[in-house]
Amino acid sequence: MSILSIIQIISSTKQLGPSRTFTEIQLIRAILILGERKVLGRTLLSRLLKIGSGAIRTLLNDLEIHNIIIIEKTGCRLTEIGQSIYSDISEKILLIDQIDAGKLSIANYDAAVIVKKSSQHIYLGIEQRDAAIRIGAKGATTLIYEDGKFVIPKGSTDCAKDFPSNIWNIFESTFSPLNGDVIIVSSADEKEDAINGVLASALTLIENN
């Protein structure tokens, strides 16, 4: 079963009490944060996700019911199932939650992600841009790494040559891309929207992969 299928099952499960006010992307980010931090309290997780106390209680309850987290006095941590989901995501993508995208930026904040060996799922990058916009970002730029060069689908075959900038060196040093990897940059007026936007873009490729 795919990552998104698991999250969609959680989101569609009927529950008693208030309706859910968080997104599937925030569910996935919660898993990523817990995978990185190991143990985390509800209040801090709420602040990191930028959601309220009621929403975080519902989110954690959903994850606990589906045996993805354990809630203890010391905080929340992933179960074996949760750790498996986290490993599956982190093996495919590396998320950088804030980066100066230079000429690629179209708003105040930028976030970037690399999706390993997924270039075969890219056509024009429109699906990734639209996914970012739907979640609240201003837009997203999709790049493919081919033969040591950054390529814009159906556009530039050598971005460093056509658009001189230190951003290409930053991408190489930050992500160490290999042939067939995809880098996506999302921009938004708010940091959280940029992060959620680029993650939503990346998940379109994970689902296909």
Protein backbone atom coordinates (compact mmCIF):
# COMPACT_ATOMS: atom_id res chain seq x y z
CA MET A 1 0.00 0.00 0.00
CA SER A 2 1.36 3.45 -0.92
CA ILE A 3 2.14 6.22 1.56
CA LEU A 4 -0.67 8.41 0.29
CA SER A 5 -3.14 5.52 0.47
CA ILE A 6 -2.36 5.05 4.16
CA ILE A 7 -2.81 8.76 4.84
CA GLN A 8 -6.06 8.85 2.84
CA ILE A 9 -7.42 5.93 4.88
CA ILE A 10 -6.66 7.84 8.07
CA SER A 11 -8.27 11.01 6.71
CA SER A 12 -11.41 9.23 5.53
CA THR A 13 -12.00 7.21 8.72
CA LYS A 14 -15.16 8.44 10.44
CA GLN A 15 -14.72 9.79 13.93
CA LEU A 16 -16.73 11.14 16.81
CA GLY A 17 -16.31 14.76 17.85
CA PRO A 18 -15.16 17.81 15.84
CA SER A 19 -14.42 17.49 12.13
CA ARG A 20 -10.78 17.42 11.02
CA THR A 21 -9.25 20.83 10.35
CA PHE A 22 -5.81 19.64 9.26
CA THR A 23 -4.63 18.47 5.84
CA GLU A 24 -3.13 15.19 4.63
CA ILE A 25 0.13 17.11 4.10
CA GLN A 26 0.15 18.08 7.79
CA LEU A 27 -0.40 14.43 8.73
CA ILE A 28 2.65 13.48 6.68
CA ARG A 29 4.69 16.34 8.09
CA ALA A 30 3.82 15.17 11.60
CA ILE A 31 5.25 11.75 10.76
CA LEU A 32 8.38 13.35 9.27
CA ILE A 33 8.90 15.59 12.30
CA LEU A 34 8.44 12.70 14.75
CA GLY A 35 10.81 10.58 12.68
CA GLU A 36 13.47 13.28 12.95
CA ARG A 37 12.88 14.32 16.59
CA LYS A 38 12.16 10.78 17.92
CA VAL A 39 10.02 12.01 20.85
CA LEU A 40 8.02 15.22 20.84
CA GLY A 41 5.36 16.82 23.00
CA ARG A 42 1.96 17.81 21.66
CA THR A 43 2.46 21.54 22.24
CA LEU A 44 5.73 21.74 20.33
CA LEU A 45 4.39 19.62 17.48
CA SER A 46 1.38 21.93 17.29
CA ARG A 47 3.69 24.94 16.96
CA LEU A 48 5.83 23.27 14.31
CA LEU A 49 2.78 22.36 12.23
CA LYS A 50 1.12 25.73 12.86
CA ILE A 51 -2.19 24.16 13.85
CA GLY A 52 -4.34 24.71 16.94
CA SER A 53 -4.67 22.62 20.09
CA GLY A 54 -7.94 21.01 18.99
CA ALA A 55 -6.58 20.05 15.58
CA ILE A 56 -3.38 18.58 17.01
CA ARG A 57 -5.37 16.43 19.47
CA THR A 58 -7.46 15.07 16.59
CA LEU A 59 -4.40 14.50 14.41
CA LEU A 60 -2.54 12.62 17.13
CA ASN A 61 -5.64 10.60 17.96
CA ASP A 62 -5.90 9.55 14.30
CA LEU A 63 -2.26 8.49 14.22
CA GLU A 64 -2.60 6.60 17.51
CA ILE A 65 -5.76 4.75 16.43
CA HIS A 66 -3.98 3.54 13.29
CA ASN A 67 -0.95 2.43 15.35
CA ILE A 68 1.41 4.95 13.75
CA ILE A 69 2.35 6.67 17.02
CA ILE A 70 2.39 5.93 20.72
CA ILE A 71 1.46 8.71 23.13
CA GLU A 72 3.35 8.53 26.42
CA LYS A 73 4.02 10.89 29.34
CA THR A 74 7.31 11.92 27.73
CA GLY A 75 5.61 12.75 24.43
CA CYS A 76 4.70 11.13 21.12
CA ARG A 77 6.87 8.69 19.21
CA LEU A 78 6.51 6.53 16.12
CA THR A 79 5.62 2.86 16.34
CA GLU A 80 7.27 0.28 14.08
CA ILE A 81 4.56 0.97 11.50
CA GLY A 82 5.12 4.71 11.84
CA GLN A 83 8.87 4.30 11.55
CA SER A 84 8.37 2.20 8.41
CA ILE A 85 6.26 4.96 6.85
CA TYR A 86 8.85 7.57 7.84
CA SER A 87 11.69 5.50 6.38
CA ASP A 88 9.75 4.96 3.16
CA ILE A 89 9.26 8.71 2.73
CA SER A 90 12.77 9.78 3.76
CA GLU A 91 14.40 7.22 1.45
CA LYS A 92 12.66 8.87 -1.48
CA ILE A 93 12.83 12.56 -0.60
CA LEU A 94 15.00 15.08 1.24
CA LEU A 95 13.13 18.20 2.32
CA ILE A 96 14.90 21.50 2.96
CA ASP A 97 12.38 23.67 4.75
CA GLN A 98 13.99 26.99 3.89
CA ILE A 99 16.34 28.00 1.10
CA ASP A 100 17.18 31.14 -0.86
CA ALA A 101 16.05 30.13 -4.34
CA GLY A 102 17.34 33.30 -5.99
CA LYS A 103 15.87 33.81 -9.46
CA LEU A 104 13.57 30.84 -8.98
CA SER A 105 11.80 32.53 -6.07
CA ILE A 106 8.43 34.17 -6.63
CA ALA A 107 7.50 35.01 -3.03
CA ASN A 108 8.93 35.72 0.43
CA TYR A 109 9.80 32.15 1.42
CA ASP A 110 11.20 29.20 -0.51
CA ALA A 111 11.41 25.51 0.32
CA ALA A 112 13.05 22.80 -1.75
CA VAL A 113 12.97 19.04 -2.01
CA ILE A 114 14.80 16.36 -3.98
CA VAL A 115 12.87 13.29 -5.10
CA LYS A 116 15.18 10.43 -5.98
CA LYS A 117 15.06 8.73 -9.38
CA SER A 118 11.70 10.19 -10.39
CA SER A 119 12.43 12.10 -13.60
CA GLN A 120 10.48 9.56 -15.67
CA HIS A 121 7.29 10.78 -13.98
CA ILE A 122 7.80 14.42 -15.04
CA TYR A 123 6.23 15.87 -18.17
CA LEU A 124 6.01 19.66 -17.88
CA GLY A 125 6.08 20.02 -14.12
CA ILE A 126 2.53 21.36 -14.20
CA GLU A 127 1.15 18.69 -11.89
CA GLN A 128 3.77 19.58 -9.28
CA ARG A 129 3.09 23.32 -9.63
CA ASP A 130 -0.65 22.80 -9.30
CA ALA A 131 -0.23 20.59 -6.22
CA ALA A 132 1.78 23.36 -4.54
CA ILE A 133 -0.78 26.02 -5.41
CA ARG A 134 -3.69 23.92 -4.13
CA ILE A 135 -2.06 23.69 -0.70
CA GLY A 136 -1.44 27.46 -0.48
CA ALA A 137 1.89 28.16 -2.19
CA LYS A 138 2.35 30.74 -4.94
CA GLY A 139 3.86 28.20 -7.30
CA ALA A 140 6.62 25.63 -7.81
CA THR A 141 9.49 25.06 -10.24
CA THR A 142 10.48 21.53 -11.21
CA LEU A 143 14.04 20.68 -12.28
CA ILE A 144 15.54 17.42 -13.53
CA TYR A 145 19.20 16.53 -13.00
CA GLU A 146 20.65 14.98 -16.16
CA ASP A 147 24.30 14.37 -17.02
CA GLY A 148 25.54 16.87 -14.47
CA LYS A 149 23.11 19.60 -15.53
CA PHE A 150 19.86 21.02 -14.22
CA VAL A 151 17.12 20.82 -16.83
CA ILE A 152 13.70 22.48 -17.02
CA PRO A 153 11.20 20.02 -18.59
CA LYS A 154 10.45 21.05 -22.18
CA GLY A 155 12.59 24.16 -21.55
CA SER A 156 16.24 24.79 -20.73
CA THR A 157 18.63 21.87 -21.20
CA ASP A 158 21.31 23.59 -19.09
CA CYS A 159 19.98 25.99 -16.49
CA ALA A 160 23.42 27.04 -15.23
CA LYS A 161 24.34 28.17 -18.75
CA ASP A 162 21.01 29.78 -19.65
CA PHE A 163 20.34 31.35 -16.22
CA PRO A 164 23.69 32.04 -14.50
CA SER A 165 23.26 31.99 -10.72
CA ASN A 166 24.88 30.51 -7.63
CA ILE A 167 21.62 28.64 -6.93
CA TRP A 168 22.82 25.72 -9.10
CA ASN A 169 25.94 25.34 -6.93
CA ILE A 170 23.74 25.54 -3.83
CA PHE A 171 21.50 22.76 -5.16
CA GLU A 172 24.48 20.55 -5.96
CA SER A 173 26.14 21.02 -2.58
CA THR A 174 22.85 20.71 -0.65
CA PHE A 175 21.31 17.73 -2.43
CA SER A 176 24.22 15.94 -4.18
CA PRO A 177 21.82 14.99 -7.01
CA LEU A 178 22.32 11.99 -9.27
CA ASN A 179 21.10 11.32 -12.78
CA GLY A 180 17.30 11.11 -12.86
CA ASP A 181 16.72 12.96 -9.59
CA VAL A 182 14.14 15.76 -9.45
CA ILE A 183 14.44 18.98 -7.45
CA ILE A 184 11.35 21.08 -6.76
CA VAL A 185 11.32 24.61 -5.35
CA SER A 186 8.11 26.07 -3.94
CA SER A 187 7.54 29.72 -2.99
CA ALA A 188 4.91 31.30 -0.76
CA ASP A 189 4.25 34.40 1.30
CA GLU A 190 4.36 32.28 4.48
CA LYS A 191 7.05 29.75 5.38
CA GLU A 192 4.56 26.99 6.23
CA ASP A 193 2.82 27.35 2.86
CA ALA A 194 6.16 27.03 1.05
CA ILE A 195 7.02 23.86 3.00
CA ASN A 196 3.58 22.33 2.54
CA GLY A 197 3.60 23.30 -1.14
CA VAL A 198 6.90 21.64 -1.97
CA LEU A 199 5.95 18.53 0.00
CA ALA A 200 2.65 18.29 -1.87
CA SER A 201 4.59 18.58 -5.14
CA ALA A 202 6.99 15.83 -4.11
CA LEU A 203 4.18 13.50 -3.11
CA THR A 204 2.77 13.56 -6.65
CA LEU A 205 6.01 11.82 -7.68
CA ILE A 206 6.16 9.44 -4.71
CA GLU A 207 2.65 8.21 -5.48
CA ASN A 208 3.64 7.53 -9.10
CA ASN A 209 6.85 5.89 -7.95
